[in-house]
Amino acid sequence: MPLFLDYNGSEVWIGNTGTVGDDSAAGRFERLNLDAENRIFVVSDVERRNLLRAGITDEKIIVIQNGVDTESFAPALAVRQFAESWASRKTRPSPDFVGTFGPCMAC
């Protein structure tokens, strides 16, 4: 069965304890996962370059940019339209996100 990973950055690097795939337990676990995946989806060219530097082959990496076109997205209108359209659909699933946002330290 193919394995796909949504990779938003190295937890080892974020914790300032090393680099991708270092010798720590977290680094070894991270590297095991990266090596086992058939495809790794990243949110930026910065993360793509980080994985390439860590020895991950380019063929495994797919970049899907995180972001929004601020010229065509009107947050206030979108929120109101979403609320109105989903108000009567309380039993249907809604899109969610679990994660964190922070400044890009590698940009």
N, C-alpha and C. Protein backbone atom coordinates (compact mmCIF):
# COMPACT_ATOMS: atom_id res chain seq x y z
N MET A 1 0.85 -1.17 0.00
CA MET A 1 0.00 0.00 0.00
C MET A 1 0.90 1.24 0.00
N PRO A 2 0.65 2.18 -0.90
CA PRO A 2 1.47 3.40 -0.94
C PRO A 2 1.26 4.25 0.32
N LEU A 3 2.30 4.90 0.73
CA LEU A 3 2.24 5.79 1.90
C LEU A 3 2.43 7.23 1.45
N PHE A 4 1.55 8.12 1.90
CA PHE A 4 1.63 9.54 1.58
C PHE A 4 1.75 10.32 2.87
N LEU A 5 2.63 11.32 2.87
CA LEU A 5 2.87 12.13 4.07
C LEU A 5 2.62 13.60 3.77
N ASP A 6 1.83 14.25 4.61
CA ASP A 6 1.66 15.70 4.57
C ASP A 6 2.71 16.25 5.53
N TYR A 7 3.76 16.84 4.97
CA TYR A 7 4.92 17.26 5.76
C TYR A 7 4.99 18.78 5.79
N ASN A 8 4.82 19.36 6.98
CA ASN A 8 4.85 20.81 7.12
C ASN A 8 6.13 21.32 7.76
N GLY A 9 7.06 20.45 8.01
CA GLY A 9 8.34 20.87 8.57
C GLY A 9 8.84 19.85 9.57
N SER A 10 10.12 19.94 9.84
CA SER A 10 10.78 19.03 10.76
C SER A 10 10.50 19.42 12.20
N GLU A 11 9.89 18.51 12.94
CA GLU A 11 9.66 18.75 14.35
C GLU A 11 10.98 18.81 15.12
N VAL A 12 11.96 18.07 14.66
CA VAL A 12 13.29 18.11 15.28
C VAL A 12 13.89 19.50 15.11
N TRP A 13 13.81 20.04 13.90
CA TRP A 13 14.34 21.37 13.63
C TRP A 13 13.58 22.43 14.41
N ILE A 14 12.25 22.32 14.44
CA ILE A 14 11.44 23.29 15.17
C ILE A 14 11.79 23.31 16.65
N GLY A 15 12.08 22.14 17.20
CA GLY A 15 12.46 22.06 18.61
C GLY A 15 13.90 22.48 18.87
N ASN A 16 14.59 22.92 17.82
CA ASN A 16 15.99 23.36 17.92
C ASN A 16 16.89 22.30 18.54
N THR A 17 16.55 21.02 18.28
CA THR A 17 17.38 19.95 18.82
C THR A 17 18.24 19.29 17.76
N GLY A 18 18.15 19.75 16.54
CA GLY A 18 18.97 19.15 15.49
C GLY A 18 18.41 19.45 14.12
N THR A 19 18.77 18.61 13.17
CA THR A 19 18.31 18.77 11.80
C THR A 19 17.50 17.54 11.41
N VAL A 20 16.86 17.60 10.24
CA VAL A 20 16.05 16.48 9.76
C VAL A 20 16.87 15.21 9.82
N GLY A 21 16.34 14.19 10.50
CA GLY A 21 16.99 12.89 10.53
C GLY A 21 18.23 12.80 11.40
N ASP A 22 18.38 13.68 12.40
CA ASP A 22 19.56 13.57 13.27
C ASP A 22 19.48 12.29 14.10
N ASP A 23 20.42 12.09 15.01
CA ASP A 23 20.52 10.84 15.76
C ASP A 23 19.60 10.74 16.98
N SER A 24 18.87 11.80 17.29
CA SER A 24 17.95 11.73 18.43
C SER A 24 16.83 10.75 18.10
N ALA A 25 16.08 10.35 19.10
CA ALA A 25 14.95 9.44 18.87
C ALA A 25 13.95 10.08 17.91
N ALA A 26 13.64 11.36 18.12
CA ALA A 26 12.71 12.06 17.23
C ALA A 26 13.27 12.14 15.81
N GLY A 27 14.56 12.40 15.70
CA GLY A 27 15.20 12.47 14.39
C GLY A 27 15.16 11.13 13.66
N ARG A 28 15.41 10.06 14.37
CA ARG A 28 15.37 8.73 13.75
C ARG A 28 13.95 8.37 13.32
N PHE A 29 12.98 8.69 14.16
CA PHE A 29 11.58 8.42 13.83
C PHE A 29 11.16 9.23 12.60
N GLU A 30 11.54 10.51 12.58
CA GLU A 30 11.22 11.38 11.45
C GLU A 30 11.83 10.82 10.17
N ARG A 31 13.09 10.42 10.25
CA ARG A 31 13.78 9.89 9.07
C ARG A 31 13.16 8.58 8.60
N LEU A 32 12.79 7.72 9.52
CA LEU A 32 12.13 6.46 9.16
C LEU A 32 10.86 6.73 8.35
N ASN A 33 10.08 7.70 8.80
CA ASN A 33 8.86 8.05 8.08
C ASN A 33 9.16 8.64 6.71
N LEU A 34 10.11 9.55 6.64
CA LEU A 34 10.44 10.17 5.36
C LEU A 34 10.93 9.13 4.35
N ASP A 35 11.74 8.20 4.80
CA ASP A 35 12.27 7.18 3.89
C ASP A 35 11.19 6.20 3.42
N ALA A 36 10.20 5.94 4.27
CA ALA A 36 9.17 4.94 3.96
C ALA A 36 8.09 5.48 3.02
N GLU A 37 7.94 6.77 2.95
CA GLU A 37 6.84 7.35 2.17
C GLU A 37 7.09 7.22 0.67
N ASN A 38 5.98 7.02 -0.07
CA ASN A 38 6.06 7.02 -1.53
C ASN A 38 6.00 8.44 -2.07
N ARG A 39 5.21 9.28 -1.42
CA ARG A 39 5.10 10.69 -1.79
C ARG A 39 5.06 11.51 -0.51
N ILE A 40 5.72 12.66 -0.58
CA ILE A 40 5.73 13.59 0.55
C ILE A 40 5.21 14.93 0.04
N PHE A 41 4.08 15.37 0.59
CA PHE A 41 3.47 16.63 0.19
C PHE A 41 3.95 17.73 1.13
N VAL A 42 4.54 18.78 0.57
CA VAL A 42 5.04 19.90 1.37
C VAL A 42 4.30 21.17 0.97
N VAL A 43 4.34 22.17 1.85
CA VAL A 43 3.57 23.39 1.64
C VAL A 43 4.38 24.54 1.04
N SER A 44 5.66 24.32 0.78
CA SER A 44 6.47 25.41 0.24
C SER A 44 7.73 24.88 -0.43
N ASP A 45 8.31 25.73 -1.26
CA ASP A 45 9.60 25.39 -1.87
C ASP A 45 10.70 25.32 -0.81
N VAL A 46 10.54 26.09 0.27
CA VAL A 46 11.52 26.04 1.36
C VAL A 46 11.57 24.64 1.94
N GLU A 47 10.41 24.04 2.22
CA GLU A 47 10.39 22.68 2.77
C GLU A 47 10.90 21.66 1.75
N ARG A 48 10.61 21.89 0.48
CA ARG A 48 11.15 21.00 -0.56
C ARG A 48 12.67 21.01 -0.51
N ARG A 49 13.26 22.20 -0.45
CA ARG A 49 14.72 22.31 -0.40
C ARG A 49 15.28 21.67 0.87
N ASN A 50 14.59 21.84 1.99
CA ASN A 50 15.05 21.21 3.24
C ASN A 50 15.10 19.70 3.10
N LEU A 51 14.09 19.11 2.47
CA LEU A 51 14.07 17.66 2.29
C LEU A 51 15.14 17.22 1.30
N LEU A 52 15.35 17.99 0.24
CA LEU A 52 16.41 17.65 -0.71
C LEU A 52 17.77 17.66 -0.02
N ARG A 53 18.01 18.67 0.82
CA ARG A 53 19.28 18.74 1.58
C ARG A 53 19.43 17.56 2.53
N ALA A 54 18.29 17.03 2.97
CA ALA A 54 18.32 15.88 3.89
C ALA A 54 18.45 14.56 3.14
N GLY A 55 18.53 14.62 1.80
CA GLY A 55 18.75 13.42 1.01
C GLY A 55 17.50 12.73 0.49
N ILE A 56 16.36 13.38 0.62
CA ILE A 56 15.12 12.82 0.08
C ILE A 56 15.11 13.09 -1.43
N THR A 57 14.74 12.08 -2.22
CA THR A 57 14.77 12.25 -3.67
C THR A 57 13.65 13.18 -4.13
N ASP A 58 13.94 13.97 -5.14
CA ASP A 58 13.01 14.95 -5.68
C ASP A 58 11.73 14.30 -6.19
N GLU A 59 11.82 13.07 -6.68
CA GLU A 59 10.66 12.37 -7.23
C GLU A 59 9.59 12.12 -6.17
N LYS A 60 9.98 12.05 -4.92
CA LYS A 60 9.02 11.78 -3.84
C LYS A 60 8.30 13.04 -3.37
N ILE A 61 8.83 14.21 -3.68
CA ILE A 61 8.34 15.46 -3.10
C ILE A 61 7.37 16.17 -4.05
N ILE A 62 6.20 16.52 -3.52
CA ILE A 62 5.21 17.27 -4.28
C ILE A 62 4.89 18.53 -3.48
N VAL A 63 5.05 19.70 -4.13
CA VAL A 63 4.78 20.98 -3.47
C VAL A 63 3.36 21.42 -3.77
N ILE A 64 2.60 21.64 -2.72
CA ILE A 64 1.26 22.24 -2.83
C ILE A 64 1.30 23.47 -1.93
N GLN A 65 1.42 24.64 -2.54
CA GLN A 65 1.60 25.88 -1.80
C GLN A 65 0.43 26.14 -0.85
N ASN A 66 0.75 26.48 0.39
CA ASN A 66 -0.23 26.97 1.34
C ASN A 66 -0.38 28.46 1.07
N GLY A 67 -1.58 28.91 0.96
CA GLY A 67 -1.76 30.34 0.76
C GLY A 67 -3.11 30.64 0.15
N VAL A 68 -3.34 31.90 -0.04
CA VAL A 68 -4.61 32.34 -0.60
C VAL A 68 -4.35 33.54 -1.49
N ASP A 69 -5.10 33.64 -2.56
CA ASP A 69 -5.01 34.79 -3.45
C ASP A 69 -5.81 35.93 -2.82
N THR A 70 -5.12 36.89 -2.24
CA THR A 70 -5.80 37.97 -1.52
C THR A 70 -6.53 38.93 -2.46
N GLU A 71 -6.23 38.87 -3.75
CA GLU A 71 -6.96 39.71 -4.71
C GLU A 71 -8.37 39.18 -4.96
N SER A 72 -8.55 37.85 -4.87
CA SER A 72 -9.86 37.29 -5.19
C SER A 72 -10.60 36.74 -3.97
N PHE A 73 -9.98 36.74 -2.82
CA PHE A 73 -10.61 36.21 -1.62
C PHE A 73 -11.01 37.36 -0.71
N ALA A 74 -12.29 37.42 -0.40
CA ALA A 74 -12.81 38.45 0.51
C ALA A 74 -13.26 37.75 1.78
N PRO A 75 -12.44 37.75 2.83
CA PRO A 75 -12.75 36.98 4.04
C PRO A 75 -14.13 37.25 4.64
N ALA A 76 -14.52 38.48 4.77
CA ALA A 76 -15.81 38.79 5.41
C ALA A 76 -16.96 38.19 4.60
N LEU A 77 -16.92 38.34 3.30
CA LEU A 77 -17.96 37.79 2.45
C LEU A 77 -17.96 36.27 2.50
N ALA A 78 -16.79 35.67 2.45
CA ALA A 78 -16.69 34.21 2.47
C ALA A 78 -17.23 33.63 3.77
N VAL A 79 -16.94 34.24 4.88
CA VAL A 79 -17.41 33.75 6.18
C VAL A 79 -18.94 33.85 6.24
N ARG A 80 -19.48 34.98 5.80
CA ARG A 80 -20.94 35.15 5.83
C ARG A 80 -21.62 34.13 4.92
N GLN A 81 -21.10 33.95 3.70
CA GLN A 81 -21.69 32.98 2.77
C GLN A 81 -21.59 31.56 3.32
N PHE A 82 -20.47 31.24 3.92
CA PHE A 82 -20.30 29.91 4.51
C PHE A 82 -21.32 29.68 5.62
N ALA A 83 -21.44 30.64 6.51
CA ALA A 83 -22.36 30.51 7.64
C ALA A 83 -23.80 30.35 7.16
N GLU A 84 -24.18 31.14 6.16
CA GLU A 84 -25.55 31.05 5.64
C GLU A 84 -25.81 29.71 4.96
N SER A 85 -24.86 29.24 4.18
CA SER A 85 -25.06 28.00 3.43
C SER A 85 -25.04 26.77 4.32
N TRP A 86 -24.34 26.82 5.45
CA TRP A 86 -24.23 25.66 6.32
C TRP A 86 -25.19 25.71 7.51
N ALA A 87 -25.90 26.81 7.69
CA ALA A 87 -26.79 26.96 8.84
C ALA A 87 -27.85 25.87 8.90
N SER A 88 -28.37 25.47 7.75
CA SER A 88 -29.43 24.47 7.74
C SER A 88 -28.89 23.04 7.56
N ARG A 89 -27.59 22.87 7.56
CA ARG A 89 -26.99 21.55 7.31
C ARG A 89 -26.20 21.06 8.52
N LYS A 90 -26.76 21.14 9.68
CA LYS A 90 -26.02 20.82 10.90
C LYS A 90 -25.56 19.37 10.99
N THR A 91 -26.17 18.48 10.25
CA THR A 91 -25.78 17.08 10.32
C THR A 91 -24.69 16.73 9.31
N ARG A 92 -24.35 17.64 8.43
CA ARG A 92 -23.32 17.37 7.43
C ARG A 92 -21.94 17.77 7.96
N PRO A 93 -20.89 17.11 7.45
CA PRO A 93 -19.54 17.46 7.91
C PRO A 93 -19.13 18.85 7.42
N SER A 94 -18.24 19.46 8.15
CA SER A 94 -17.70 20.74 7.74
C SER A 94 -16.18 20.64 7.67
N PRO A 95 -15.56 21.46 6.84
CA PRO A 95 -14.10 21.42 6.75
C PRO A 95 -13.47 21.95 8.03
N ASP A 96 -12.41 21.31 8.46
CA ASP A 96 -11.72 21.71 9.68
C ASP A 96 -10.22 21.74 9.44
N PHE A 97 -9.52 22.32 10.39
CA PHE A 97 -8.06 22.36 10.34
C PHE A 97 -7.53 22.21 11.76
N VAL A 98 -6.53 21.38 11.92
CA VAL A 98 -5.82 21.27 13.19
C VAL A 98 -4.36 21.51 12.87
N GLY A 99 -3.75 22.46 13.52
CA GLY A 99 -2.36 22.76 13.24
C GLY A 99 -1.96 24.06 13.90
N THR A 100 -0.80 24.55 13.52
CA THR A 100 -0.32 25.80 14.07
C THR A 100 0.15 26.69 12.94
N PHE A 101 0.15 27.97 13.18
CA PHE A 101 0.68 28.94 12.25
C PHE A 101 1.75 29.73 12.98
N GLY A 102 2.80 30.02 12.27
CA GLY A 102 3.86 30.81 12.87
C GLY A 102 4.70 31.45 11.78
N PRO A 103 5.60 32.31 12.16
CA PRO A 103 6.45 32.97 11.15
C PRO A 103 7.37 31.95 10.47
N CYS A 104 7.67 32.21 9.23
CA CYS A 104 8.58 31.34 8.48
C CYS A 104 10.01 31.74 8.84
N MET A 105 10.68 30.88 9.59
CA MET A 105 12.04 31.19 10.04
C MET A 105 13.08 30.87 8.96
N ALA A 106 12.68 30.09 7.95
CA ALA A 106 13.64 29.70 6.91
C ALA A 106 13.45 30.49 5.64
N CYS A 107 12.49 31.43 5.61
CA CYS A 107 12.21 32.18 4.38
C CYS A 107 13.23 33.28 4.16
